[in-house]
Amino acid sequence: MAISLLFAGSGTLRAQDEQSHDEPASLSDAVGDGLSKLEPLIKDKDYDGAMRLVEGLMKEATPESYDQAFLNETEAQILTQKGDYQNAIRPLETALTIADRHHYFQQKQELDMLYFLSQLYYQQADAAKTDRALQVAAFGKAIHYIERWFQISPKQTEDISMYYAQILYAAAVAKDSSHPDPTLIHQARQQVEKTLRMSPHPKDGVYVFLLATLQQEVDYAAASEILELLLAKNRNNKTYWQDLNMFYMALAQDPKDKNLDTIRRYNIRAINTIERAQALGFMKTPRDNYTLFTLYYNIAQYGMASDLLYKGLQTGGIDSTLDNWLLLSASFQQINQDFKSIEVLEEAAKRYPTNGELEFKIAQVYQGLDDNKKAYEHCVAAVEKGHIAKPQPAFIFLAYMAYELGKYDEAKVAVDKAIALMAKPDHQALGLRGAIEEAIKERDAKKAAPAAQEKI
């Protein structure tokens, strides 16, 4: 974190005679004379010599005196100019504590000290990433001093308001990065919303920070509104498009909201987001294209979904996987394009020549078209190729098709294989085997009848 040198530039290394009470405090002659030797040391950057001078004067100063407050403040300023920010905390706090009790400092000086102390503790917290207790305590101090600043400041600026929001957010995450403190997150959100109202044209960074608090509060509806606003100002930000799509999809899948109209509305907004982004050259990865397909599928626009998936698989715009080809086939079936579904499966079968799952799917489509002959042929090919996710249903299907076509011996082999794969044969399989065996007996009996007649 970059420390502002507001405090270092606002104070001086000389006596201050403008005080806020009726009888202004002033440095004693001894301290005033002693500090006259300080300027050459500071000019020569002899900070160690400057510190020895101030420490010597401090030993002679009366406790709780203006001398003590001023010398501690001076010591803090020397350490600041030296770049030793963390060691500047102690004397600065000591000066502020003494001044608080006796009202030694003017308001502006007190404000500068409070702001600088907050920054110093913020830096300490930022540097203490491996010590959570120290980090949380330092953030608490940073919050304490900036809140004091707000209590007495006659005018609040956009930058300091934003700084306060950032401390609150950082403190919330420091407590538990997996589950940030919800109270502090909400306070950070409220503060950044105040920051937005301080300017007619807030910086984009303020909106981005508000977005972070909204994400932590899982307020995706408000977050999507902020992102739409940011995209209206900068439509070429790739991350904004990705996040906006994520928010709309999350809203569509919100388990607490089962309203179908709401779900459809957010799915349509997600579609619109991807298509707007793609028109600008963003979100064109295979994953994005697949997401667009699924969104159209989710709102029952199966024709558009099928066209998107088919084009993507043909061009490489969507990953050519077995599951995606099967999904494409199912999509065409949804719009009653069964022959197109078969065409897709046959194309996939050429790409995956050893996979029987595709042949089995083709067989099922043909069976739905009442073409048992082709259904049987493709199911035979399926079991011969193997690599079927669930072979037992495939053998049952083959047994049925063979039975319907009068191929009883083939049917018997298939049903026996299906039953062998079952831990406990079900009634349907046993019934089918019984019917097949009965058909074989009848067939064999018919064959035997003419032979018996000839013998007579």
Protein backbone atom coordinates (compact mmCIF):
# COMPACT_ATOMS: atom_id res chain seq x y z
CA MET A 1 0.00 0.00 0.00
CA ALA A 2 1.27 3.47 -0.87
CA ILE A 3 1.30 5.78 2.14
CA SER A 4 0.16 9.35 1.59
CA LEU A 5 2.55 11.95 2.93
CA LEU A 6 -0.31 14.24 3.87
CA PHE A 7 0.74 14.29 7.51
CA ALA A 8 4.41 14.74 6.78
CA GLY A 9 3.70 17.73 4.61
CA SER A 10 1.12 19.34 6.83
CA GLY A 11 3.11 19.64 10.02
CA THR A 12 6.23 21.71 10.64
CA LEU A 13 9.36 21.31 12.67
CA ARG A 14 8.85 24.54 14.57
CA ALA A 15 6.68 25.91 17.38
CA GLN A 16 2.98 26.36 16.61
CA ASP A 17 1.26 29.33 18.27
CA GLU A 18 -2.26 28.91 16.82
CA GLN A 19 -4.23 26.77 19.25
CA SER A 20 -7.90 26.01 19.65
CA HIS A 21 -8.37 27.02 23.29
CA ASP A 22 -8.48 30.35 25.08
CA GLU A 23 -4.87 30.33 26.22
CA PRO A 24 -2.75 28.97 23.35
CA ALA A 25 -0.02 26.64 24.45
CA SER A 26 3.50 27.39 23.34
CA LEU A 27 6.88 25.77 23.49
CA SER A 28 9.14 26.48 26.40
CA ASP A 29 12.22 28.58 25.68
CA ALA A 30 14.51 25.58 26.20
CA VAL A 31 12.64 23.42 23.68
CA GLY A 32 12.21 26.31 21.24
CA ASP A 33 15.93 27.10 21.36
CA GLY A 34 16.85 23.43 21.08
CA LEU A 35 14.67 22.90 18.00
CA SER A 36 16.43 25.74 16.22
CA LYS A 37 19.29 23.28 15.70
CA LEU A 38 17.00 20.77 13.98
CA GLU A 39 16.62 22.33 10.56
CA PRO A 40 20.28 21.85 9.45
CA LEU A 41 20.13 18.19 10.48
CA ILE A 42 16.95 17.62 8.47
CA LYS A 43 18.41 19.48 5.50
CA ASP A 44 21.47 17.21 5.59
CA LYS A 45 19.20 14.16 6.06
CA ASP A 46 20.97 13.38 9.32
CA TYR A 47 17.85 11.75 10.73
CA ASP A 48 19.67 9.85 13.46
CA GLY A 49 21.19 13.11 14.69
CA ALA A 50 17.78 14.76 14.52
CA MET A 51 16.28 11.95 16.59
CA ARG A 52 19.00 12.26 19.24
CA LEU A 53 18.35 15.98 19.47
CA VAL A 54 14.58 15.53 19.92
CA GLU A 55 14.98 12.69 22.40
CA GLY A 56 17.35 14.80 24.49
CA LEU A 57 14.85 17.66 24.57
CA MET A 58 12.05 15.24 25.43
CA LYS A 59 13.85 14.05 28.57
CA GLU A 60 13.81 17.60 29.90
CA ALA A 61 10.21 18.34 28.91
CA THR A 62 7.45 18.36 31.52
CA PRO A 63 5.10 15.34 31.26
CA GLU A 64 1.72 16.09 29.60
CA SER A 65 3.07 19.44 28.43
CA TYR A 66 2.72 20.99 25.02
CA ASP A 67 6.46 20.42 24.71
CA GLN A 68 5.92 16.67 25.07
CA ALA A 69 3.09 16.60 22.50
CA PHE A 70 5.01 18.72 20.02
CA LEU A 71 8.29 16.78 20.41
CA ASN A 72 6.53 13.44 19.90
CA GLU A 73 4.86 14.80 16.78
CA THR A 74 8.25 16.08 15.59
CA GLU A 75 9.82 12.68 16.19
CA ALA A 76 7.05 11.07 14.12
CA GLN A 77 7.70 13.52 11.31
CA ILE A 78 11.44 12.76 11.33
CA LEU A 79 10.76 9.02 11.13
CA THR A 80 8.30 9.65 8.31
CA GLN A 81 10.84 11.61 6.32
CA LYS A 82 13.34 8.83 6.98
CA GLY A 83 10.82 6.32 5.57
CA ASP A 84 10.45 4.45 8.85
CA TYR A 85 6.66 4.57 8.85
CA GLN A 86 5.95 1.80 11.34
CA ASN A 87 8.13 3.30 14.05
CA ALA A 88 6.41 6.63 13.48
CA ILE A 89 3.18 5.17 14.93
CA ARG A 90 4.19 5.22 18.59
CA PRO A 91 5.29 8.88 18.90
CA LEU A 92 2.42 10.04 16.71
CA GLU A 93 -0.12 8.24 18.90
CA THR A 94 1.58 9.63 22.00
CA ALA A 95 1.39 13.19 20.64
CA LEU A 96 -2.28 12.74 19.75
CA THR A 97 -3.13 11.26 23.15
CA ILE A 98 -1.54 14.18 25.02
CA ALA A 99 -3.15 16.71 22.69
CA ASP A 100 -6.55 15.06 23.09
CA ARG A 101 -6.41 15.50 26.85
CA HIS A 102 -5.36 19.15 26.71
CA HIS A 103 -6.67 20.35 23.32
CA TYR A 104 -3.24 21.44 22.16
CA PHE A 105 -3.65 21.02 18.39
CA GLN A 106 -5.80 22.76 15.82
CA GLN A 107 -8.47 20.81 13.99
CA LYS A 108 -6.58 20.61 10.70
CA GLN A 109 -3.48 19.29 12.41
CA GLU A 110 -5.53 16.71 14.31
CA LEU A 111 -7.26 15.63 11.10
CA ASP A 112 -3.92 15.17 9.35
CA MET A 113 -2.60 13.10 12.23
CA LEU A 114 -5.70 10.90 12.37
CA TYR A 115 -5.62 10.25 8.65
CA PHE A 116 -1.93 9.46 8.67
CA LEU A 117 -2.24 7.12 11.64
CA SER A 118 -5.02 5.26 9.84
CA GLN A 119 -2.79 4.89 6.81
CA LEU A 120 0.13 3.66 8.89
CA TYR A 121 -2.01 0.96 10.48
CA TYR A 122 -3.44 0.04 7.08
CA GLN A 123 0.10 -0.49 5.83
CA GLN A 124 0.93 -2.52 8.92
CA ALA A 125 -2.10 -4.74 8.29
CA ASP A 126 -1.18 -5.14 4.64
CA ALA A 127 2.33 -6.26 5.61
CA ALA A 128 1.09 -8.73 8.26
CA LYS A 129 -0.47 -11.29 5.89
CA THR A 130 1.07 -14.23 7.78
CA ASP A 131 -0.15 -13.03 11.19
CA ARG A 132 -3.94 -12.87 11.12
CA ALA A 133 -4.32 -11.61 14.70
CA LEU A 134 -1.91 -8.73 14.07
CA GLN A 135 -3.53 -7.99 10.72
CA VAL A 136 -7.07 -7.87 12.16
CA ALA A 137 -5.90 -5.67 15.06
CA ALA A 138 -4.10 -3.29 12.70
CA PHE A 139 -7.18 -2.98 10.48
CA GLY A 140 -9.21 -2.25 13.60
CA LYS A 141 -6.87 0.61 14.46
CA ALA A 142 -6.96 1.93 10.91
CA ILE A 143 -10.77 1.95 11.05
CA HIS A 144 -10.76 3.59 14.49
CA TYR A 145 -8.63 6.54 13.38
CA ILE A 146 -10.43 7.16 10.10
CA GLU A 147 -13.77 7.06 11.90
CA ARG A 148 -12.45 9.70 14.30
CA TRP A 149 -11.45 11.71 11.24
CA PHE A 150 -15.02 11.54 9.92
CA GLN A 151 -16.43 12.64 13.28
CA ILE A 152 -14.58 15.96 13.31
CA SER A 153 -13.97 16.70 9.63
CA PRO A 154 -16.00 19.67 8.35
CA LYS A 155 -15.76 18.36 4.80
CA GLN A 156 -15.54 14.80 3.53
CA THR A 157 -13.79 14.08 0.26
CA GLU A 158 -14.45 11.38 -2.31
CA ASP A 159 -10.93 9.96 -1.92
CA ILE A 160 -11.08 9.62 1.86
CA SER A 161 -14.58 8.19 1.73
CA MET A 162 -13.35 5.59 -0.73
CA TYR A 163 -10.32 4.89 1.45
CA TYR A 164 -12.63 4.20 4.41
CA ALA A 165 -14.69 1.77 2.32
CA GLN A 166 -11.53 -0.05 1.27
CA ILE A 167 -10.37 -0.46 4.88
CA LEU A 168 -13.73 -1.89 5.89
CA TYR A 169 -13.63 -4.36 3.02
CA ALA A 170 -10.04 -5.40 3.70
CA ALA A 171 -10.80 -5.87 7.40
CA ALA A 172 -13.79 -8.08 6.54
CA VAL A 173 -11.68 -10.32 4.32
CA ALA A 174 -8.81 -10.43 6.84
CA LYS A 175 -11.06 -12.06 9.43
CA ASP A 176 -11.88 -14.94 7.10
CA SER A 177 -11.08 -14.82 3.42
CA SER A 178 -13.53 -17.68 2.72
CA HIS A 179 -16.36 -16.06 4.65
CA PRO A 180 -15.68 -12.32 5.05
CA ASP A 181 -17.38 -10.52 7.95
CA PRO A 182 -20.88 -9.67 6.59
CA THR A 183 -21.30 -6.63 8.85
CA LEU A 184 -18.07 -5.03 7.65
CA ILE A 185 -18.87 -5.89 4.03
CA HIS A 186 -22.24 -4.19 4.36
CA GLN A 187 -20.62 -1.14 5.95
CA ALA A 188 -18.14 -1.03 3.06
CA ARG A 189 -21.03 -1.17 0.60
CA GLN A 190 -22.86 1.66 2.36
CA GLN A 191 -19.69 3.78 2.42
CA VAL A 192 -18.92 3.30 -1.27
CA GLU A 193 -22.54 4.19 -2.07
CA LYS A 194 -21.99 7.44 -0.13
CA THR A 195 -18.85 7.98 -2.19
CA LEU A 196 -20.85 7.68 -5.39
CA ARG A 197 -23.14 10.47 -4.25
CA MET A 198 -20.22 12.84 -3.65
CA SER A 199 -19.53 13.44 -7.34
CA PRO A 200 -21.69 13.97 -10.43
CA HIS A 201 -19.17 11.87 -12.35
CA PRO A 202 -17.72 9.17 -10.05
CA LYS A 203 -14.60 7.35 -11.15
CA ASP A 204 -15.00 3.89 -12.63
CA GLY A 205 -12.96 2.52 -9.74
CA VAL A 206 -15.72 3.48 -7.31
CA TYR A 207 -18.24 1.44 -9.29
CA VAL A 208 -15.82 -1.46 -9.53
CA PHE A 209 -15.34 -1.44 -5.77
CA LEU A 210 -19.10 -1.31 -5.21
CA LEU A 211 -19.31 -4.31 -7.50
CA ALA A 212 -16.91 -6.22 -5.24
CA THR A 213 -19.08 -5.57 -2.18
CA LEU A 214 -22.21 -6.62 -4.06
CA GLN A 215 -20.53 -9.87 -5.07
CA GLN A 216 -19.63 -10.56 -1.46
CA GLU A 217 -23.25 -9.97 -0.47
CA VAL A 218 -24.40 -12.18 -3.36
CA ASP A 219 -26.58 -9.32 -4.61
CA TYR A 220 -26.24 -10.26 -8.26
CA ALA A 221 -29.26 -8.24 -9.35
CA ALA A 222 -27.67 -4.99 -8.16
CA ALA A 223 -24.24 -6.13 -9.40
CA SER A 224 -25.62 -6.70 -12.91
CA GLU A 225 -27.06 -3.17 -12.94
CA ILE A 226 -23.63 -1.75 -12.04
CA LEU A 227 -21.97 -3.78 -14.77
CA GLU A 228 -24.51 -2.63 -17.36
CA LEU A 229 -23.65 0.92 -16.35
CA LEU A 230 -19.91 0.27 -16.63
CA LEU A 231 -20.36 -1.37 -20.04
CA ALA A 232 -22.34 1.62 -21.25
CA LYS A 233 -19.20 3.67 -20.56
CA ASN A 234 -16.64 1.07 -21.65
CA ARG A 235 -18.00 -1.72 -23.81
CA ASN A 236 -14.53 -3.04 -24.69
CA ASN A 237 -13.81 -4.48 -21.25
CA LYS A 238 -13.74 -8.25 -21.71
CA THR A 239 -13.96 -8.99 -17.99
CA TYR A 240 -17.12 -6.91 -17.59
CA TRP A 241 -18.90 -9.00 -20.24
CA GLN A 242 -17.83 -12.25 -18.62
CA ASP A 243 -18.91 -11.13 -15.15
CA LEU A 244 -22.24 -9.80 -16.39
CA ASN A 245 -23.04 -13.11 -18.04
CA MET A 246 -22.04 -14.93 -14.85
CA PHE A 247 -24.40 -12.76 -12.77
CA TYR A 248 -27.38 -13.29 -15.08
CA MET A 249 -26.80 -17.03 -15.15
CA ALA A 250 -26.50 -17.12 -11.36
CA LEU A 251 -29.79 -15.23 -11.07
CA ALA A 252 -31.45 -17.68 -13.46
CA GLN A 253 -30.25 -20.57 -11.29
CA ASP A 254 -31.12 -18.98 -7.93
CA PRO A 255 -32.51 -21.89 -5.85
CA LYS A 256 -34.60 -19.42 -3.79
CA ASP A 257 -36.50 -18.13 -6.83
CA LYS A 258 -38.51 -20.77 -8.68
CA ASN A 259 -40.57 -18.29 -10.71
CA LEU A 260 -40.41 -19.53 -14.30
CA ASP A 261 -40.86 -16.06 -15.79
CA THR A 262 -37.95 -14.74 -13.72
CA ILE A 263 -35.74 -17.67 -14.70
CA ARG A 264 -36.57 -17.18 -18.37
CA ARG A 265 -35.96 -13.43 -18.17
CA TYR A 266 -32.47 -13.86 -16.72
CA ASN A 267 -31.59 -16.61 -19.19
CA ILE A 268 -32.58 -14.27 -22.02
CA ARG A 269 -30.43 -11.51 -20.51
CA ALA A 270 -27.50 -13.93 -20.37
CA ILE A 271 -28.06 -14.78 -24.03
CA ASN A 272 -28.22 -11.10 -24.89
CA THR A 273 -24.99 -10.49 -22.99
CA ILE A 274 -23.02 -13.16 -24.84
CA GLU A 275 -24.35 -12.08 -28.22
CA ARG A 276 -23.53 -8.41 -27.52
CA ALA A 277 -20.04 -9.41 -26.41
CA GLN A 278 -19.51 -11.62 -29.47
CA ALA A 279 -20.52 -8.77 -31.75
CA LEU A 280 -17.55 -6.89 -30.28
CA GLY A 281 -15.20 -9.84 -30.65
CA PHE A 282 -15.37 -11.12 -27.05
CA MET A 283 -16.64 -14.35 -25.48
CA LYS A 284 -15.99 -16.50 -28.52
CA THR A 285 -14.24 -19.41 -26.84
CA PRO A 286 -15.66 -22.95 -27.21
CA ARG A 287 -16.84 -22.70 -23.62
CA ASP A 288 -18.68 -19.43 -24.30
CA ASN A 289 -20.28 -20.86 -27.44
CA TYR A 290 -21.39 -23.94 -25.54
CA THR A 291 -22.84 -21.73 -22.80
CA LEU A 292 -24.86 -19.84 -25.42
CA PHE A 293 -26.20 -23.14 -26.73
CA THR A 294 -27.24 -24.30 -23.26
CA LEU A 295 -29.00 -20.99 -22.59
CA TYR A 296 -31.11 -21.34 -25.73
CA TYR A 297 -31.78 -24.96 -24.78
CA ASN A 298 -32.86 -23.89 -21.27
CA ILE A 299 -35.52 -21.56 -22.65
CA ALA A 300 -36.78 -24.33 -24.97
CA GLN A 301 -35.49 -22.67 -28.15
CA TYR A 302 -34.36 -26.05 -29.41
CA GLY A 303 -34.14 -25.03 -33.06
CA MET A 304 -31.72 -22.18 -32.35
CA ALA A 305 -29.87 -24.34 -29.81
CA SER A 306 -29.46 -27.17 -32.33
CA ASP A 307 -28.20 -24.84 -35.05
CA LEU A 308 -25.65 -23.28 -32.68
CA LEU A 309 -24.37 -26.62 -31.47
CA TYR A 310 -24.23 -28.14 -34.98
CA LYS A 311 -22.33 -25.15 -36.35
CA GLY A 312 -19.98 -25.15 -33.37
CA LEU A 313 -19.16 -28.85 -33.72
CA GLN A 314 -18.59 -28.47 -37.45
CA THR A 315 -16.31 -25.44 -37.18
CA GLY A 316 -14.54 -26.20 -33.92
CA GLY A 317 -16.34 -23.33 -32.19
CA ILE A 318 -17.54 -25.91 -29.64
CA ASP A 319 -15.42 -28.81 -28.41
CA SER A 320 -16.08 -31.93 -30.47
CA THR A 321 -16.73 -34.42 -27.70
CA LEU A 322 -18.87 -37.54 -27.70
CA ASP A 323 -21.25 -36.02 -25.16
CA ASN A 324 -21.75 -32.93 -27.32
CA TRP A 325 -22.61 -35.02 -30.38
CA LEU A 326 -25.10 -37.01 -28.33
CA LEU A 327 -26.55 -33.77 -27.02
CA LEU A 328 -26.88 -32.44 -30.55
CA SER A 329 -28.76 -35.54 -31.56
CA ALA A 330 -31.12 -35.12 -28.62
CA SER A 331 -31.62 -31.46 -29.56
CA PHE A 332 -32.77 -32.38 -33.07
CA GLN A 333 -35.14 -34.94 -31.62
CA GLN A 334 -36.65 -32.20 -29.45
CA ILE A 335 -37.77 -30.41 -32.63
CA ASN A 336 -38.93 -33.68 -34.28
CA GLN A 337 -36.05 -33.78 -36.74
CA ASP A 338 -35.37 -37.47 -36.22
CA PHE A 339 -33.61 -38.03 -39.51
CA LYS A 340 -31.34 -35.06 -38.80
CA SER A 341 -30.68 -36.65 -35.42
CA ILE A 342 -29.69 -39.89 -37.14
CA GLU A 343 -27.48 -38.00 -39.58
CA VAL A 344 -25.66 -36.35 -36.68
CA LEU A 345 -25.17 -39.66 -34.89
CA GLU A 346 -23.82 -41.31 -38.05
CA GLU A 347 -21.36 -38.44 -38.48
CA ALA A 348 -20.29 -38.86 -34.88
CA ALA A 349 -19.94 -42.63 -35.40
CA LYS A 350 -17.35 -41.92 -38.11
CA ARG A 351 -15.42 -39.79 -35.63
CA TYR A 352 -15.71 -42.44 -32.90
CA PRO A 353 -15.69 -45.71 -34.86
CA THR A 354 -15.21 -47.99 -31.84
CA ASN A 355 -17.99 -46.48 -29.71
CA GLY A 356 -21.14 -48.57 -29.55
CA GLU A 357 -23.12 -45.89 -27.67
CA LEU A 358 -23.69 -43.96 -30.90
CA GLU A 359 -24.97 -47.01 -32.76
CA PHE A 360 -27.31 -47.75 -29.87
CA LYS A 361 -28.71 -44.20 -30.01
CA ILE A 362 -29.27 -44.58 -33.78
CA ALA A 363 -31.10 -47.83 -33.12
CA GLN A 364 -33.38 -46.11 -30.59
CA VAL A 365 -34.24 -43.31 -33.02
CA TYR A 366 -35.10 -45.82 -35.76
CA GLN A 367 -37.25 -47.77 -33.32
CA GLY A 368 -39.16 -44.54 -32.63
CA LEU A 369 -39.72 -44.27 -36.39
CA ASP A 370 -41.11 -47.83 -36.42
CA ASP A 371 -38.20 -49.07 -38.51
CA ASN A 372 -37.38 -52.15 -36.47
CA LYS A 373 -35.14 -53.61 -39.15
CA LYS A 374 -32.69 -50.70 -39.06
CA ALA A 375 -33.07 -50.46 -35.30
CA TYR A 376 -32.00 -54.10 -35.06
CA GLU A 377 -29.07 -53.66 -37.44
CA HIS A 378 -27.65 -50.70 -35.55
CA CYS A 379 -28.17 -52.36 -32.18
CA VAL A 380 -26.21 -55.40 -33.43
CA ALA A 381 -23.44 -53.01 -34.45
CA ALA A 382 -23.63 -51.35 -31.03
CA VAL A 383 -23.08 -54.52 -29.00
CA GLU A 384 -20.36 -55.69 -31.40
CA LYS A 385 -18.44 -52.42 -30.95
CA GLY A 386 -18.98 -52.32 -27.19
CA HIS A 387 -17.98 -49.26 -25.15
CA ILE A 388 -21.61 -48.75 -24.14
CA ALA A 389 -22.18 -46.93 -20.85
CA LYS A 390 -24.98 -49.33 -19.81
CA PRO A 391 -24.77 -52.54 -21.86
CA GLN A 392 -27.63 -54.34 -20.12
CA PRO A 393 -30.40 -52.07 -21.60
CA ALA A 394 -28.75 -52.43 -25.02
CA PHE A 395 -29.03 -56.22 -24.88
CA ILE A 396 -32.67 -55.97 -23.74
CA PHE A 397 -33.38 -53.60 -26.65
CA LEU A 398 -31.64 -55.97 -29.08
CA ALA A 399 -33.68 -58.89 -27.72
CA TYR A 400 -36.93 -56.98 -28.29
CA MET A 401 -36.00 -55.98 -31.85
CA ALA A 402 -34.91 -59.49 -32.71
CA TYR A 403 -38.11 -60.89 -31.22
CA GLU A 404 -40.24 -58.43 -33.25
CA LEU A 405 -38.44 -59.48 -36.43
CA GLY A 406 -38.84 -63.19 -35.66
CA LYS A 407 -35.12 -63.69 -35.00
CA TYR A 408 -35.80 -65.79 -31.92
CA ASP A 409 -32.37 -67.42 -31.57
CA GLU A 410 -30.64 -64.03 -31.70
CA ALA A 411 -33.25 -62.71 -29.27
CA LYS A 412 -32.55 -65.58 -26.85
CA VAL A 413 -28.79 -64.91 -26.92
CA ALA A 414 -29.34 -61.20 -26.30
CA VAL A 415 -31.80 -61.62 -23.43
CA ASP A 416 -29.56 -64.19 -21.74
CA LYS A 417 -26.65 -61.73 -21.88
CA ALA A 418 -28.85 -58.99 -20.44
CA ILE A 419 -29.98 -61.20 -17.54
CA ALA A 420 -26.39 -62.27 -16.88
CA LEU A 421 -25.50 -58.62 -16.34
CA MET A 422 -28.23 -58.17 -13.71
CA ALA A 423 -27.56 -58.71 -10.04
CA LYS A 424 -31.17 -59.80 -9.74
CA PRO A 425 -33.18 -60.34 -12.97
CA ASP A 426 -36.29 -58.16 -13.09
CA HIS A 427 -39.79 -59.24 -14.05
CA GLN A 428 -39.61 -57.55 -17.45
CA ALA A 429 -36.44 -59.38 -18.52
CA LEU A 430 -37.70 -62.72 -17.27
CA GLY A 431 -41.02 -62.17 -19.03
CA LEU A 432 -39.25 -61.34 -22.29
CA ARG A 433 -37.11 -64.47 -22.03
CA GLY A 434 -40.19 -66.55 -21.39
CA ALA A 435 -41.92 -65.11 -24.46
CA ILE A 436 -38.85 -65.76 -26.61
CA GLU A 437 -38.53 -69.34 -25.37
CA GLU A 438 -42.21 -69.93 -26.04
CA ALA A 439 -41.82 -68.54 -29.57
CA ILE A 440 -38.86 -70.86 -30.17
CA LYS A 441 -40.91 -73.86 -29.00
CA GLU A 442 -43.76 -72.93 -31.32
CA ARG A 443 -41.38 -72.45 -34.23
CA ASP A 444 -39.64 -75.75 -33.56
CA ALA A 445 -42.99 -77.49 -33.17
CA LYS A 446 -44.11 -76.21 -36.56
CA LYS A 447 -40.90 -77.45 -38.14
CA ALA A 448 -41.33 -80.88 -36.52
CA ALA A 449 -44.98 -81.33 -37.65
CA PRO A 450 -44.31 -81.97 -41.40
CA ALA A 451 -41.55 -84.45 -40.57
CA ALA A 452 -43.86 -86.39 -38.28
CA GLN A 453 -46.56 -86.38 -40.95
CA GLU A 454 -44.17 -87.90 -43.49
CA LYS A 455 -43.31 -90.74 -41.16
CA ILE A 456 -47.01 -91.61 -40.89
